[in-house]
Amino acid sequence: MKKVLFILLAVMMVLAGCSSSNDESSKEGNGLKKVTVVLDWTPNTNHTGLYVAKEKGYFKEQGLDVEIVKPGETGADQLVASGKADFGIGYQEGLTQARAQGVPLVSIAAIIQHNTSGFASPASKNMKSPKDFEGKKYGSYGSPVEEAIMKSIMEKENANVKKVDILNIGDTDYFTAVKRDIDFAWIYYAWTGIEAELRGEKLNMLYVKDYSDKLDYYTPVLTTSEKMIAKEPDTVKAFVAAVSKGYEFSIDHPDQAADILTKAEPDLDQELVKKSQEWLASKYQDDAKQWGLQKLSVWKDYGEWMKENKLLEGDFNPEEAFTNDFLPKK
């Protein structure tokens, strides 16, 4: 299915031609260049830096009028690759698969420096290690990566992933699913984990990065296309500069950044956003020299892991999958 998807993407790119906003006609009457950035999911604290850059005028400072677009049935990767959007929020796993299929997506910044995802279960189920997954029901979102990651960390403890009952729960709410259908699922702690704290529901959280360096990959990332980089490098540089400033503000002023996000997206739970933003503030840059910086070793290691687990069709060149060239010089 993925192979078909990426073949279709390649065709879309040919058909799209110059359909993106990357030309002189895209300039507004105010002289600002109009560009779009597509989110990967419902607005949340992974995206705060974008909203801060818009609200605080950082995009305008760079000569840009940026529209933040919520994802529809067509994902951000597809829209960016086809030229229907200039920038997007993606994941290293998806971009790696796309590159191996010849889709020229490029990661231009790591939004969060280390992988904050993992397998979560209610503390009452007493699942404290990957070995405890045996005999339990896992709520899958339908990606083959899930079982492969589970297998990798379970093998560290001589456990067998085939003894896990994997159920597809689609987009069912985590809290509903663990009360009704499953024992554990894969979550991002910054959102679902923080929500559990607010609900007073204790979780056992096993971060995948704690079991393998190869699983400490970038998720999410800021993306664009090779075409955009080739034809509009100044726009890419300006966009990344503004976004960098937005995330740096979010790191230094999480409370204000949370207010900016909820002002733009009033349907979000304000208390959840506040707590999530506080938790993520130190995670955006973490131990990197600056926000957004990416390492070749991270792209190489995860690509090798995907290859080892037969999740890639085609050749993957990690050096072409990302660039730090557009980050502001520090």
Protein backbone atom coordinates (compact mmCIF):
# COMPACT_ATOMS: atom_id res chain seq x y z
CA MET A 1 0.00 0.00 0.00
CA LYS A 2 2.82 2.40 0.90
CA LYS A 3 4.54 1.62 -2.39
CA VAL A 4 1.41 2.55 -4.30
CA LEU A 5 1.03 5.71 -2.23
CA PHE A 6 4.50 6.98 -3.02
CA ILE A 7 4.22 6.10 -6.70
CA LEU A 8 1.07 8.19 -6.73
CA LEU A 9 2.97 10.97 -5.00
CA ALA A 10 5.60 10.95 -7.70
CA VAL A 11 2.91 11.19 -10.35
CA MET A 12 1.24 14.03 -8.44
CA MET A 13 4.48 15.96 -8.44
CA VAL A 14 4.75 15.76 -12.19
CA LEU A 15 1.13 16.80 -12.61
CA ALA A 16 1.40 19.59 -10.08
CA GLY A 17 4.03 21.46 -12.05
CA CYS A 18 4.16 24.98 -10.73
CA SER A 19 0.93 24.75 -8.78
CA SER A 20 2.49 25.82 -5.48
CA SER A 21 2.64 29.44 -4.41
CA ASN A 22 6.34 29.73 -5.28
CA ASP A 23 6.28 32.51 -7.85
CA GLU A 24 6.08 36.28 -8.00
CA SER A 25 2.29 36.20 -8.31
CA SER A 26 2.16 34.84 -4.76
CA LYS A 27 3.19 38.18 -3.30
CA GLU A 28 0.42 40.05 -1.49
CA GLY A 29 -0.38 43.70 -2.00
CA ASN A 30 1.53 44.42 1.20
CA GLY A 31 4.70 43.05 -0.38
CA LEU A 32 4.75 39.91 1.76
CA LYS A 33 5.28 36.56 0.10
CA LYS A 34 2.41 34.18 0.82
CA VAL A 35 3.41 30.64 1.79
CA THR A 36 1.63 27.72 3.40
CA VAL A 37 2.62 25.24 6.08
CA VAL A 38 0.51 22.11 6.62
CA LEU A 39 0.20 20.51 10.04
CA ASP A 40 0.51 16.78 10.54
CA TRP A 41 -2.35 16.53 13.02
CA THR A 42 -4.84 18.58 15.01
CA PRO A 43 -3.07 21.70 16.36
CA ASN A 44 -1.09 20.92 19.51
CA THR A 45 2.07 21.92 21.35
CA ASN A 46 4.32 20.33 18.74
CA HIS A 47 3.20 23.25 16.56
CA THR A 48 3.43 26.12 19.04
CA GLY A 49 6.48 27.73 17.45
CA LEU A 50 4.56 28.26 14.20
CA TYR A 51 1.71 30.02 15.98
CA VAL A 52 4.14 32.13 17.99
CA ALA A 53 6.01 33.15 14.82
CA LYS A 54 2.72 34.24 13.27
CA GLU A 55 1.33 36.04 16.33
CA LYS A 56 4.59 37.80 17.25
CA GLY A 57 5.23 39.00 13.69
CA TYR A 58 8.37 36.93 13.12
CA PHE A 59 7.12 35.80 9.71
CA LYS A 60 6.39 39.37 8.69
CA GLU A 61 9.87 40.38 9.78
CA GLN A 62 11.13 37.89 7.21
CA GLY A 63 8.82 39.20 4.47
CA LEU A 64 6.38 36.29 4.69
CA ASP A 65 2.62 35.96 5.04
CA VAL A 66 2.22 32.41 6.35
CA GLU A 67 -1.00 30.42 6.35
CA ILE A 68 -1.09 27.53 8.83
CA VAL A 69 -3.23 24.80 7.26
CA LYS A 70 -4.85 21.97 9.20
CA PRO A 71 -4.49 18.54 7.62
CA GLY A 72 -7.36 17.03 5.71
CA GLU A 73 -7.60 13.59 4.15
CA THR A 74 -4.45 14.37 2.18
CA GLY A 75 -1.48 14.35 4.56
CA ALA A 76 1.18 17.01 4.88
CA ASP A 77 3.87 14.88 3.20
CA GLN A 78 1.73 14.42 0.10
CA LEU A 79 0.85 18.11 -0.15
CA VAL A 80 4.44 19.25 0.28
CA ALA A 81 5.87 16.66 -2.11
CA SER A 82 3.32 17.52 -4.79
CA GLY A 83 3.94 21.25 -4.53
CA LYS A 84 0.46 21.96 -3.18
CA ALA A 85 2.03 23.36 0.01
CA ASP A 86 5.40 24.98 0.64
CA PHE A 87 6.18 23.50 4.06
CA GLY A 88 4.81 20.81 6.35
CA ILE A 89 5.12 18.99 9.63
CA GLY A 90 6.20 15.39 9.18
CA TYR A 91 8.01 12.53 10.88
CA GLN A 92 11.40 10.96 10.25
CA GLU A 93 9.80 7.55 9.72
CA GLY A 94 7.46 8.84 6.99
CA LEU A 95 10.11 10.94 5.30
CA THR A 96 12.55 8.02 5.30
CA GLN A 97 9.98 5.82 3.55
CA ALA A 98 9.21 8.59 1.08
CA ARG A 99 12.88 9.16 0.20
CA ALA A 100 13.39 5.45 -0.38
CA GLN A 101 10.55 5.61 -2.92
CA GLY A 102 12.09 8.58 -4.73
CA VAL A 103 9.83 11.26 -3.26
CA PRO A 104 12.05 14.34 -2.76
CA LEU A 105 10.94 15.52 0.67
CA VAL A 106 13.61 17.13 2.88
CA SER A 107 13.66 17.73 6.62
CA ILE A 108 14.85 21.28 7.36
CA ALA A 109 14.59 21.26 11.18
CA ALA A 110 13.95 18.88 14.06
CA ILE A 111 11.01 20.26 16.04
CA ILE A 112 11.81 18.10 19.08
CA GLN A 113 15.38 16.92 19.59
CA HIS A 114 14.67 13.46 21.03
CA ASN A 115 11.88 10.94 20.58
CA THR A 116 9.23 11.54 23.25
CA SER A 117 6.98 8.64 22.20
CA GLY A 118 6.58 5.27 23.82
CA PHE A 119 4.26 2.51 24.92
CA ALA A 120 1.87 3.55 27.68
CA SER A 121 -0.39 1.48 29.91
CA PRO A 122 -2.48 2.26 33.00
CA ALA A 123 -0.33 1.71 36.10
CA SER A 124 -2.99 -0.67 37.40
CA LYS A 125 -2.03 -3.18 34.68
CA ASN A 126 1.49 -3.42 36.17
CA MET A 127 3.26 -3.41 32.78
CA LYS A 128 6.71 -2.16 33.71
CA SER A 129 8.89 -3.65 30.98
CA PRO A 130 8.58 -4.81 27.35
CA LYS A 131 8.44 -8.41 28.56
CA ASP A 132 5.13 -7.56 30.21
CA PHE A 133 3.64 -6.97 26.74
CA GLU A 134 3.30 -10.74 26.31
CA GLY A 135 -0.29 -11.89 26.69
CA LYS A 136 -1.62 -8.32 26.53
CA LYS A 137 -3.78 -6.46 24.01
CA TYR A 138 -2.08 -3.66 22.05
CA GLY A 139 -4.08 -0.89 20.40
CA SER A 140 -2.57 -0.32 16.95
CA TYR A 141 -3.06 2.72 14.73
CA GLY A 142 -2.46 0.62 11.65
CA SER A 143 1.23 1.22 10.94
CA PRO A 144 3.67 -1.67 10.37
CA VAL A 145 6.31 0.40 12.19
CA GLU A 146 4.47 -0.20 15.47
CA GLU A 147 4.93 -3.97 15.54
CA ALA A 148 8.53 -3.65 14.35
CA ILE A 149 9.41 -1.24 17.16
CA MET A 150 7.61 -3.42 19.69
CA LYS A 151 9.52 -6.45 18.41
CA SER A 152 12.86 -4.59 18.69
CA ILE A 153 12.42 -3.59 22.30
CA MET A 154 10.83 -6.88 23.38
CA GLU A 155 13.75 -8.87 21.96
CA LYS A 156 16.03 -6.99 24.37
CA GLU A 157 14.34 -8.99 27.13
CA ASN A 158 13.95 -12.26 25.21
CA ALA A 159 10.24 -11.61 24.83
CA ASN A 160 8.15 -12.57 21.78
CA VAL A 161 6.03 -9.99 19.96
CA LYS A 162 3.92 -12.83 18.53
CA LYS A 163 2.50 -13.27 22.03
CA VAL A 164 0.96 -9.78 21.85
CA ASP A 165 -2.65 -9.52 20.68
CA ILE A 166 -2.55 -6.59 18.26
CA LEU A 167 -5.90 -4.89 17.68
CA ASN A 168 -6.47 -2.02 15.25
CA ILE A 169 -8.20 0.80 17.14
CA GLY A 170 -7.89 3.44 14.41
CA ASP A 171 -8.39 6.91 15.85
CA THR A 172 -10.17 5.75 19.03
CA ASP A 173 -9.29 7.92 22.02
CA TYR A 174 -6.53 6.33 24.11
CA PHE A 175 -8.40 6.67 27.40
CA THR A 176 -11.53 5.12 25.96
CA ALA A 177 -9.57 2.27 24.38
CA VAL A 178 -7.62 1.26 27.51
CA LYS A 179 -10.81 1.15 29.56
CA ARG A 180 -12.74 -0.85 26.98
CA ASP A 181 -10.59 -2.76 24.48
CA ILE A 182 -6.83 -2.81 25.10
CA ASP A 183 -4.05 -2.87 27.68
CA PHE A 184 -1.55 -0.47 26.12
CA ALA A 185 -0.84 1.76 23.11
CA TRP A 186 1.85 3.96 21.58
CA ILE A 187 1.53 7.62 22.64
CA TYR A 188 3.39 10.91 22.72
CA TYR A 189 3.83 11.81 26.36
CA ALA A 190 3.72 15.56 25.73
CA TRP A 191 0.02 15.33 24.90
CA THR A 192 -1.62 12.05 25.96
CA GLY A 193 0.74 11.55 28.89
CA ILE A 194 0.12 15.06 30.19
CA GLU A 195 -3.62 14.55 29.73
CA ALA A 196 -3.35 11.42 31.87
CA GLU A 197 -1.66 13.46 34.61
CA LEU A 198 -4.48 16.01 34.52
CA ARG A 199 -7.04 13.21 34.71
CA GLY A 200 -5.24 11.73 37.70
CA GLU A 201 -4.68 8.50 35.78
CA LYS A 202 -1.19 7.09 36.42
CA LEU A 203 0.63 5.54 33.47
CA ASN A 204 3.59 3.25 33.04
CA MET A 205 5.47 4.83 30.15
CA LEU A 206 8.21 2.96 28.29
CA TYR A 207 10.03 5.37 25.95
CA VAL A 208 11.28 3.57 22.84
CA LYS A 209 14.51 5.61 22.78
CA ASP A 210 15.49 4.07 26.12
CA TYR A 211 15.81 0.65 24.49
CA SER A 212 17.72 1.49 21.32
CA ASP A 213 19.75 4.47 20.09
CA LYS A 214 18.42 3.74 16.61
CA LEU A 215 14.90 4.51 17.83
CA ASP A 216 15.80 7.96 19.11
CA TYR A 217 14.71 9.53 15.84
CA TYR A 218 13.25 12.96 15.04
CA THR A 219 9.51 13.18 15.44
CA PRO A 220 8.18 15.59 14.34
CA VAL A 221 10.24 17.48 11.76
CA LEU A 222 9.75 20.55 9.59
CA THR A 223 9.72 19.61 5.89
CA THR A 224 9.86 21.08 2.42
CA SER A 225 10.58 19.76 -1.07
CA GLU A 226 13.79 19.64 -3.08
CA LYS A 227 12.05 21.81 -5.66
CA MET A 228 11.34 24.50 -3.07
CA ILE A 229 14.95 24.43 -1.90
CA ALA A 230 16.24 24.71 -5.47
CA LYS A 231 13.88 27.45 -6.64
CA GLU A 232 13.17 29.42 -3.46
CA PRO A 233 16.17 29.06 -1.10
CA ASP A 234 15.71 32.57 0.29
CA THR A 235 12.10 31.81 1.17
CA VAL A 236 13.12 28.61 2.92
CA LYS A 237 15.81 30.45 4.85
CA ALA A 238 13.38 33.20 5.87
CA PHE A 239 10.73 30.68 6.93
CA VAL A 240 13.15 28.64 9.06
CA ALA A 241 14.55 31.80 10.67
CA ALA A 242 11.08 32.89 11.76
CA VAL A 243 10.08 29.42 12.97
CA SER A 244 13.34 29.10 14.90
CA LYS A 245 12.57 32.36 16.66
CA GLY A 246 9.06 31.08 17.42
CA TYR A 247 10.33 27.91 19.08
CA GLU A 248 13.05 29.78 20.95
CA PHE A 249 10.34 32.04 22.39
CA SER A 250 8.32 28.94 23.32
CA ILE A 251 11.34 27.51 25.13
CA ASP A 252 11.93 30.69 27.13
CA HIS A 253 8.28 31.67 27.69
CA PRO A 254 6.15 28.48 27.73
CA ASP A 255 3.23 30.10 29.54
CA GLN A 256 2.93 32.94 27.04
CA ALA A 257 3.45 30.55 24.14
CA ALA A 258 0.58 28.39 25.42
CA ASP A 259 -1.66 31.46 25.53
CA ILE A 260 -0.78 32.24 21.91
CA LEU A 261 -1.68 28.71 20.81
CA THR A 262 -5.02 28.66 22.62
CA LYS A 263 -5.85 32.13 21.33
CA ALA A 264 -5.38 30.88 17.77
CA GLU A 265 -7.09 27.54 18.48
CA PRO A 266 -9.72 28.23 21.17
CA ASP A 267 -11.19 24.72 21.00
CA LEU A 268 -8.06 23.31 22.64
CA ASP A 269 -8.15 22.52 26.35
CA GLN A 270 -6.30 25.46 27.91
CA GLU A 271 -5.09 23.56 30.97
CA LEU A 272 -3.76 20.71 28.81
CA VAL A 273 -1.97 23.14 26.50
CA LYS A 274 -0.39 24.96 29.48
CA LYS A 275 0.88 21.76 31.10
CA SER A 276 2.01 20.25 27.81
CA GLN A 277 3.85 23.42 26.86
CA GLU A 278 5.61 23.49 30.21
CA TRP A 279 6.71 19.87 29.77
CA LEU A 280 7.87 20.33 26.17
CA ALA A 281 9.74 23.62 26.64
CA SER A 282 12.99 21.90 27.61
CA LYS A 283 12.50 19.13 25.05
CA TYR A 284 12.42 21.23 21.87
CA GLN A 285 16.17 21.95 21.86
CA ASP A 286 17.32 19.71 24.71
CA ASP A 287 21.06 18.98 24.36
CA ALA A 288 21.48 20.41 20.84
CA LYS A 289 23.52 23.58 20.28
CA GLN A 290 20.44 25.26 18.84
CA TRP A 291 16.81 24.51 18.09
CA GLY A 292 16.21 22.46 14.95
CA LEU A 293 19.70 20.98 14.56
CA GLN A 294 19.81 17.47 13.09
CA LYS A 295 22.54 14.83 13.11
CA LEU A 296 23.49 12.56 10.23
CA SER A 297 23.92 9.67 12.67
CA VAL A 298 20.25 9.87 13.69
CA TRP A 299 19.08 9.67 10.07
CA LYS A 300 21.57 6.94 9.24
CA ASP A 301 20.75 4.79 12.29
CA TYR A 302 17.00 4.94 11.82
CA GLY A 303 17.30 4.23 8.11
CA GLU A 304 19.38 1.16 8.92
CA TRP A 305 16.84 0.04 11.51
CA MET A 306 14.00 0.36 8.99
CA LYS A 307 16.02 -1.61 6.44
CA GLU A 308 16.81 -4.33 8.99
CA ASN A 309 13.11 -4.61 9.77
CA LYS A 310 12.08 -4.76 6.09
CA LEU A 311 10.18 -1.49 6.28
CA LEU A 312 11.94 0.13 3.32
CA GLU A 313 11.54 -0.56 -0.37
CA GLY A 314 14.29 1.11 -2.32
CA ASP A 315 17.54 2.82 -1.41
CA PHE A 316 17.74 5.47 1.29
CA ASN A 317 20.50 8.08 1.38
CA PRO A 318 20.44 9.76 4.81
CA GLU A 319 22.65 12.64 3.66
CA GLU A 320 19.97 13.78 1.22
CA ALA A 321 17.05 13.44 3.64
CA PHE A 322 17.83 16.47 5.80
CA THR A 323 19.76 19.72 5.90
CA ASN A 324 20.87 22.17 8.60
CA ASP A 325 21.79 24.78 5.99
CA PHE A 326 18.72 26.96 6.57
CA LEU A 327 18.98 27.22 10.33
CA PRO A 328 20.12 30.63 11.60
CA LYS A 329 23.86 30.83 12.21
CA LYS A 330 24.59 30.93 15.93
